[in-house]
Amino acid sequence: MTRAAPSSLQQTQGLIQGRSWRAYRRVPDFVLPRIWHDWILDPGSLTRRLQTLAEGDFSVDVLFLGWGRPNRDEQRVLDLPLGQYALIREVALRCRGEVVVKARSVIPATTLTGEERQLRYLGNRPLGAFLFRAREMRRSAIELGAMNWHEEDWIYGRRSVFLLHQKPLLVSELFLPALLEQSQGARAGMHALKVAP
């Protein structure tokens, strides 16, 4: 049975911001269980994979969009002066109506120029679709984090800096248990189709 995802904006911010993130050359299982590797270590478009998994029932809920001060760790990663504001966007990504990923994007004002001005007006469109269509996009190494969720349960996250025409933005993502349940269910369904007489 799927547990309810953390619902409030404060919980999401606390989980994403209150973490020590770290890059690994080889990811040990105690940092990230192998069952999550396929999703969290995938360097491709998460949006595209979720759309495929959802079979047309994929949506983006914007939880927050506005100017704010990134936390100190986010400022450090983006090389922003202390106290500088950035556009912050927090979303819940849904497959078949269930929240499977929560994400936070921190976009410095200096990034929102040229083609990247469009990032102000994404609405309910996924950021990933924009990033992976960009003509000039580079991505930093993925950093991982794990955080206590319910009692003994843990959820796992990643973050990375995307460079669009050399202009940075930071994307942090939390992968919720409902994603694993849906992907395992989809695999079981495909297996049943293959062995059916």
C-alpha atoms as a PDB file:
ATOM      1  CA  MET A   1       0.000   0.000   0.000  1.00  0.00           C
ATOM      2  CA  THR A   2       1.329   3.424  -0.963  1.00  0.00           C
ATOM      3  CA  ARG A   3       1.916   5.816   1.899  1.00  0.00           C
ATOM      4  CA  ALA A   4       0.878   9.424   1.578  1.00  0.00           C
ATOM      5  CA  ALA A   5       3.705  11.641   0.392  1.00  0.00           C
ATOM      6  CA  PRO A   6       4.752  14.606   2.567  1.00  0.00           C
ATOM      7  CA  SER A   7       2.031  17.073   1.739  1.00  0.00           C
ATOM      8  CA  SER A   8       3.021  20.549   2.852  1.00  0.00           C
ATOM      9  CA  LEU A   9       5.438  22.920   1.186  1.00  0.00           C
ATOM     10  CA  GLN A  10       7.321  23.258   4.478  1.00  0.00           C
ATOM     11  CA  GLN A  11       7.938  19.498   4.630  1.00  0.00           C
ATOM     12  CA  THR A  12       9.219  19.434   1.051  1.00  0.00           C
ATOM     13  CA  GLN A  13      11.516  22.394   1.642  1.00  0.00           C
ATOM     14  CA  GLY A  14      12.811  20.865   4.850  1.00  0.00           C
ATOM     15  CA  LEU A  15      13.604  17.571   3.173  1.00  0.00           C
ATOM     16  CA  ILE A  16      15.359  19.150   0.201  1.00  0.00           C
ATOM     17  CA  GLN A  17      17.129  21.994   1.983  1.00  0.00           C
ATOM     18  CA  GLY A  18      18.095  20.217   5.170  1.00  0.00           C
ATOM     19  CA  ARG A  19      20.343  17.700   3.460  1.00  0.00           C
ATOM     20  CA  SER A  20      24.028  17.155   2.998  1.00  0.00           C
ATOM     21  CA  TRP A  21      24.418  16.269  -0.647  1.00  0.00           C
ATOM     22  CA  ARG A  22      27.399  14.361  -1.955  1.00  0.00           C
ATOM     23  CA  ALA A  23      28.702  13.035  -5.265  1.00  0.00           C
ATOM     24  CA  TYR A  24      30.048   9.479  -5.402  1.00  0.00           C
ATOM     25  CA  ARG A  25      32.362   7.858  -7.911  1.00  0.00           C
ATOM     26  CA  ARG A  26      30.893   4.475  -6.950  1.00  0.00           C
ATOM     27  CA  VAL A  27      27.600   4.581  -5.068  1.00  0.00           C
ATOM     28  CA  PRO A  28      27.533   2.246  -2.046  1.00  0.00           C
ATOM     29  CA  ASP A  29      24.281   0.416  -1.303  1.00  0.00           C
ATOM     30  CA  PHE A  30      23.999   2.000   2.135  1.00  0.00           C
ATOM     31  CA  VAL A  31      23.815   5.420   0.417  1.00  0.00           C
ATOM     32  CA  LEU A  32      21.396   4.350  -2.313  1.00  0.00           C
ATOM     33  CA  PRO A  33      19.779   0.898  -2.376  1.00  0.00           C
ATOM     34  CA  ARG A  34      20.329  -0.897  -5.681  1.00  0.00           C
ATOM     35  CA  ILE A  35      16.584  -1.023  -6.303  1.00  0.00           C
ATOM     36  CA  TRP A  36      16.661   2.771  -6.813  1.00  0.00           C
ATOM     37  CA  HIS A  37      19.757   2.946  -9.067  1.00  0.00           C
ATOM     38  CA  ASP A  38      17.822   2.662 -12.329  1.00  0.00           C
ATOM     39  CA  TRP A  39      15.762   5.776 -11.552  1.00  0.00           C
ATOM     40  CA  ILE A  40      18.029   8.028  -9.529  1.00  0.00           C
ATOM     41  CA  LEU A  41      21.308   7.476 -11.381  1.00  0.00           C
ATOM     42  CA  ASP A  42      19.744   7.754 -14.836  1.00  0.00           C
ATOM     43  CA  PRO A  43      21.351  10.776 -16.575  1.00  0.00           C
ATOM     44  CA  GLY A  44      18.537  11.084 -19.117  1.00  0.00           C
ATOM     45  CA  SER A  45      15.250  12.956 -18.973  1.00  0.00           C
ATOM     46  CA  LEU A  46      13.220  12.050 -15.882  1.00  0.00           C
ATOM     47  CA  THR A  47      10.196  13.752 -17.439  1.00  0.00           C
ATOM     48  CA  ARG A  48      10.309  11.463 -20.461  1.00  0.00           C
ATOM     49  CA  ARG A  49      10.597   8.347 -18.304  1.00  0.00           C
ATOM     50  CA  LEU A  50       7.695   9.407 -16.092  1.00  0.00           C
ATOM     51  CA  GLN A  51       5.531  10.175 -19.114  1.00  0.00           C
ATOM     52  CA  THR A  52       6.247   6.694 -20.458  1.00  0.00           C
ATOM     53  CA  LEU A  53       5.488   5.089 -17.098  1.00  0.00           C
ATOM     54  CA  ALA A  54       2.250   7.058 -16.719  1.00  0.00           C
ATOM     55  CA  GLU A  55       1.006   6.066 -20.201  1.00  0.00           C
ATOM     56  CA  GLY A  56      -0.513   9.502 -20.773  1.00  0.00           C
ATOM     57  CA  ASP A  57      -1.564  10.196 -17.173  1.00  0.00           C
ATOM     58  CA  PHE A  58       1.339  12.462 -16.191  1.00  0.00           C
ATOM     59  CA  SER A  59       0.952  15.920 -14.662  1.00  0.00           C
ATOM     60  CA  VAL A  60       2.877  18.651 -12.869  1.00  0.00           C
ATOM     61  CA  ASP A  61       1.432  20.455  -9.831  1.00  0.00           C
ATOM     62  CA  VAL A  62       3.148  23.755  -9.034  1.00  0.00           C
ATOM     63  CA  LEU A  63       3.397  24.007  -5.238  1.00  0.00           C
ATOM     64  CA  PHE A  64       5.320  27.275  -5.155  1.00  0.00           C
ATOM     65  CA  LEU A  65       6.708  29.760  -7.656  1.00  0.00           C
ATOM     66  CA  GLY A  66       8.285  33.018  -6.585  1.00  0.00           C
ATOM     67  CA  TRP A  67      11.385  34.965  -5.690  1.00  0.00           C
ATOM     68  CA  GLY A  68      13.195  33.908  -2.554  1.00  0.00           C
ATOM     69  CA  ARG A  69      16.572  33.492  -0.934  1.00  0.00           C
ATOM     70  CA  PRO A  70      18.161  30.124  -1.648  1.00  0.00           C
ATOM     71  CA  ASN A  71      19.606  28.409   1.402  1.00  0.00           C
ATOM     72  CA  ARG A  72      23.343  28.742   2.001  1.00  0.00           C
ATOM     73  CA  ASP A  73      24.208  25.403   0.467  1.00  0.00           C
ATOM     74  CA  GLU A  74      22.248  26.262  -2.690  1.00  0.00           C
ATOM     75  CA  GLN A  75      23.982  29.649  -2.846  1.00  0.00           C
ATOM     76  CA  ARG A  76      27.350  27.923  -2.555  1.00  0.00           C
ATOM     77  CA  VAL A  77      26.589  25.423  -5.324  1.00  0.00           C
ATOM     78  CA  LEU A  78      25.347  28.186  -7.638  1.00  0.00           C
ATOM     79  CA  ASP A  79      28.131  30.586  -6.611  1.00  0.00           C
ATOM     80  CA  LEU A  80      25.584  33.268  -5.667  1.00  0.00           C
ATOM     81  CA  PRO A  81      26.370  36.218  -3.401  1.00  0.00           C
ATOM     82  CA  LEU A  82      24.932  35.859   0.106  1.00  0.00           C
ATOM     83  CA  GLY A  83      21.381  37.176   0.295  1.00  0.00           C
ATOM     84  CA  GLN A  84      20.794  37.271  -3.467  1.00  0.00           C
ATOM     85  CA  TYR A  85      17.293  36.290  -4.519  1.00  0.00           C
ATOM     86  CA  ALA A  86      16.500  33.656  -7.129  1.00  0.00           C
ATOM     87  CA  LEU A  87      13.366  32.308  -8.767  1.00  0.00           C
ATOM     88  CA  ILE A  88      12.323  29.231  -6.807  1.00  0.00           C
ATOM     89  CA  ARG A  89       9.913  26.672  -8.240  1.00  0.00           C
ATOM     90  CA  GLU A  90       8.646  23.666  -6.317  1.00  0.00           C
ATOM     91  CA  VAL A  91       6.528  21.018  -7.997  1.00  0.00           C
ATOM     92  CA  ALA A  92       4.970  17.607  -7.480  1.00  0.00           C
ATOM     93  CA  LEU A  93       5.189  15.219 -10.432  1.00  0.00           C
ATOM     94  CA  ARG A  94       2.259  12.822 -10.698  1.00  0.00           C
ATOM     95  CA  CYS A  95       1.852   9.511 -12.489  1.00  0.00           C
ATOM     96  CA  ARG A  96      -1.696   8.171 -12.618  1.00  0.00           C
ATOM     97  CA  GLY A  97      -2.728  10.724 -10.012  1.00  0.00           C
ATOM     98  CA  GLU A  98      -0.065   9.781  -7.440  1.00  0.00           C
ATOM     99  CA  VAL A  99       2.820  12.040  -6.460  1.00  0.00           C
ATOM    100  CA  VAL A 100       5.980  10.128  -7.381  1.00  0.00           C
ATOM    101  CA  VAL A 101       8.624  12.903  -7.338  1.00  0.00           C
ATOM    102  CA  LYS A 102       8.890  16.278  -5.622  1.00  0.00           C
ATOM    103  CA  ALA A 103      11.324  18.764  -7.101  1.00  0.00           C
ATOM    104  CA  ARG A 104      12.780  22.175  -6.292  1.00  0.00           C
ATOM    105  CA  SER A 105      14.477  24.389  -8.860  1.00  0.00           C
ATOM    106  CA  VAL A 106      16.578  27.430  -7.957  1.00  0.00           C
ATOM    107  CA  ILE A 107      17.114  29.740 -10.923  1.00  0.00           C
ATOM    108  CA  PRO A 108      19.332  32.834 -10.501  1.00  0.00           C
ATOM    109  CA  ALA A 109      18.031  36.063 -12.042  1.00  0.00           C
ATOM    110  CA  THR A 110      21.095  36.166 -14.326  1.00  0.00           C
ATOM    111  CA  THR A 111      20.015  32.846 -15.850  1.00  0.00           C
ATOM    112  CA  LEU A 112      16.611  34.248 -16.864  1.00  0.00           C
ATOM    113  CA  THR A 113      17.908  36.054 -19.962  1.00  0.00           C
ATOM    114  CA  GLY A 114      17.886  35.207 -23.655  1.00  0.00           C
ATOM    115  CA  GLU A 115      16.192  31.884 -24.456  1.00  0.00           C
ATOM    116  CA  GLU A 116      16.065  31.081 -20.753  1.00  0.00           C
ATOM    117  CA  ARG A 117      13.526  33.889 -20.139  1.00  0.00           C
ATOM    118  CA  GLN A 118      10.913  31.209 -20.902  1.00  0.00           C
ATOM    119  CA  LEU A 119      11.687  29.552 -17.571  1.00  0.00           C
ATOM    120  CA  ARG A 120       9.607  32.233 -15.822  1.00  0.00           C
ATOM    121  CA  TYR A 121       6.488  31.080 -17.626  1.00  0.00           C
ATOM    122  CA  LEU A 122       6.557  27.273 -17.500  1.00  0.00           C
ATOM    123  CA  GLY A 123       3.273  27.016 -15.623  1.00  0.00           C
ATOM    124  CA  ASN A 124       2.367  23.325 -15.303  1.00  0.00           C
ATOM    125  CA  ARG A 125       4.788  22.270 -18.028  1.00  0.00           C
ATOM    126  CA  PRO A 126       7.711  20.119 -16.859  1.00  0.00           C
ATOM    127  CA  LEU A 127      11.094  21.799 -16.519  1.00  0.00           C
ATOM    128  CA  GLY A 128      12.817  18.623 -17.702  1.00  0.00           C
ATOM    129  CA  ALA A 129      11.227  18.879 -21.142  1.00  0.00           C
ATOM    130  CA  PHE A 130      12.769  22.364 -21.532  1.00  0.00           C
ATOM    131  CA  LEU A 131      16.187  21.324 -20.217  1.00  0.00           C
ATOM    132  CA  PHE A 132      16.608  18.267 -22.411  1.00  0.00           C
ATOM    133  CA  ARG A 133      15.470  20.130 -25.539  1.00  0.00           C
ATOM    134  CA  ALA A 134      17.896  23.002 -24.968  1.00  0.00           C
ATOM    135  CA  ARG A 135      20.479  23.429 -27.714  1.00  0.00           C
ATOM    136  CA  GLU A 136      23.284  24.111 -25.257  1.00  0.00           C
ATOM    137  CA  MET A 137      22.842  22.175 -22.030  1.00  0.00           C
ATOM    138  CA  ARG A 138      25.411  20.610 -19.739  1.00  0.00           C
ATOM    139  CA  ARG A 139      24.793  18.894 -16.430  1.00  0.00           C
ATOM    140  CA  SER A 140      27.062  18.576 -13.412  1.00  0.00           C
ATOM    141  CA  ALA A 141      27.684  15.299 -11.623  1.00  0.00           C
ATOM    142  CA  ILE A 142      24.649  14.044  -9.724  1.00  0.00           C
ATOM    143  CA  GLU A 143      24.810  14.484  -5.958  1.00  0.00           C
ATOM    144  CA  LEU A 144      22.827  12.117  -3.743  1.00  0.00           C
ATOM    145  CA  GLY A 145      21.067  12.465  -0.419  1.00  0.00           C
ATOM    146  CA  ALA A 146      18.926  10.265   1.807  1.00  0.00           C
ATOM    147  CA  MET A 147      16.411  11.514   4.333  1.00  0.00           C
ATOM    148  CA  ASN A 148      14.236   9.975   7.013  1.00  0.00           C
ATOM    149  CA  TRP A 149      10.590  10.092   6.001  1.00  0.00           C
ATOM    150  CA  HIS A 150       8.254   7.977   8.139  1.00  0.00           C
ATOM    151  CA  GLU A 151       9.676   6.277  11.209  1.00  0.00           C
ATOM    152  CA  GLU A 152      12.219   3.809   9.773  1.00  0.00           C
ATOM    153  CA  ASP A 153      11.478   4.582   6.126  1.00  0.00           C
ATOM    154  CA  TRP A 154      13.863   6.612   3.991  1.00  0.00           C
ATOM    155  CA  ILE A 155      13.436   8.499   0.771  1.00  0.00           C
ATOM    156  CA  TYR A 156      16.248   9.236  -1.626  1.00  0.00           C
ATOM    157  CA  GLY A 157      17.062  12.311  -3.645  1.00  0.00           C
ATOM    158  CA  ARG A 158      19.467  13.768  -6.136  1.00  0.00           C
ATOM    159  CA  ARG A 159      20.448  17.203  -7.306  1.00  0.00           C
ATOM    160  CA  SER A 160      22.548  18.648 -10.068  1.00  0.00           C
ATOM    161  CA  VAL A 161      23.393  21.966 -11.671  1.00  0.00           C
ATOM    162  CA  PHE A 162      22.287  22.436 -15.271  1.00  0.00           C
ATOM    163  CA  LEU A 163      24.126  24.944 -17.442  1.00  0.00           C
ATOM    164  CA  LEU A 164      22.132  26.549 -20.244  1.00  0.00           C
ATOM    165  CA  HIS A 165      24.403  28.701 -22.401  1.00  0.00           C
ATOM    166  CA  GLN A 166      26.796  28.620 -19.403  1.00  0.00           C
ATOM    167  CA  LYS A 167      24.048  29.972 -17.087  1.00  0.00           C
ATOM    168  CA  PRO A 168      23.314  27.785 -14.037  1.00  0.00           C
ATOM    169  CA  LEU A 169      20.192  26.512 -12.342  1.00  0.00           C
ATOM    170  CA  LEU A 170      19.951  23.924  -9.583  1.00  0.00           C
ATOM    171  CA  VAL A 171      17.405  21.084  -9.616  1.00  0.00           C
ATOM    172  CA  SER A 172      16.816  18.904  -6.539  1.00  0.00           C
ATOM    173  CA  GLU A 173      14.492  15.896  -6.744  1.00  0.00           C
ATOM    174  CA  LEU A 174      13.009  13.563  -4.133  1.00  0.00           C
ATOM    175  CA  PHE A 175      11.896  10.134  -5.340  1.00  0.00           C
ATOM    176  CA  LEU A 176       8.885   8.853  -3.410  1.00  0.00           C
ATOM    177  CA  PRO A 177       7.971   5.190  -2.772  1.00  0.00           C
ATOM    178  CA  ALA A 178       4.949   5.428  -5.099  1.00  0.00           C
ATOM    179  CA  LEU A 179       7.364   5.675  -8.056  1.00  0.00           C
ATOM    180  CA  LEU A 180       9.018   2.381  -7.220  1.00  0.00           C
ATOM    181  CA  GLU A 181       5.650   0.709  -6.708  1.00  0.00           C
ATOM    182  CA  GLN A 182       4.338   1.948 -10.049  1.00  0.00           C
ATOM    183  CA  SER A 183       7.477   0.996 -11.966  1.00  0.00           C
ATOM    184  CA  GLN A 184       7.548  -2.471 -10.397  1.00  0.00           C
ATOM    185  CA  GLY A 185       3.855  -2.887 -11.223  1.00  0.00           C
ATOM    186  CA  ALA A 186       4.488  -1.866 -14.839  1.00  0.00           C
ATOM    187  CA  ARG A 187       7.358  -4.384 -15.088  1.00  0.00           C
ATOM    188  CA  ALA A 188       5.187  -7.150 -13.651  1.00  0.00           C
ATOM    189  CA  GLY A 189       2.459  -6.309 -16.185  1.00  0.00           C
ATOM    190  CA  MET A 190       4.942  -6.460 -19.089  1.00  0.00           C
ATOM    191  CA  HIS A 191       6.252  -9.800 -17.836  1.00  0.00           C
ATOM    192  CA  ALA A 192       2.712 -11.192 -17.633  1.00  0.00           C
ATOM    193  CA  LEU A 193       2.074 -10.119 -21.243  1.00  0.00           C
ATOM    194  CA  LYS A 194       5.250 -11.848 -22.426  1.00  0.00           C
ATOM    195  CA  VAL A 195       4.432 -15.183 -20.766  1.00  0.00           C
ATOM    196  CA  ALA A 196       0.722 -15.157 -21.581  1.00  0.00           C
ATOM    197  CA  PRO A 197      -0.271 -18.029 -23.942  1.00  0.00           C
END
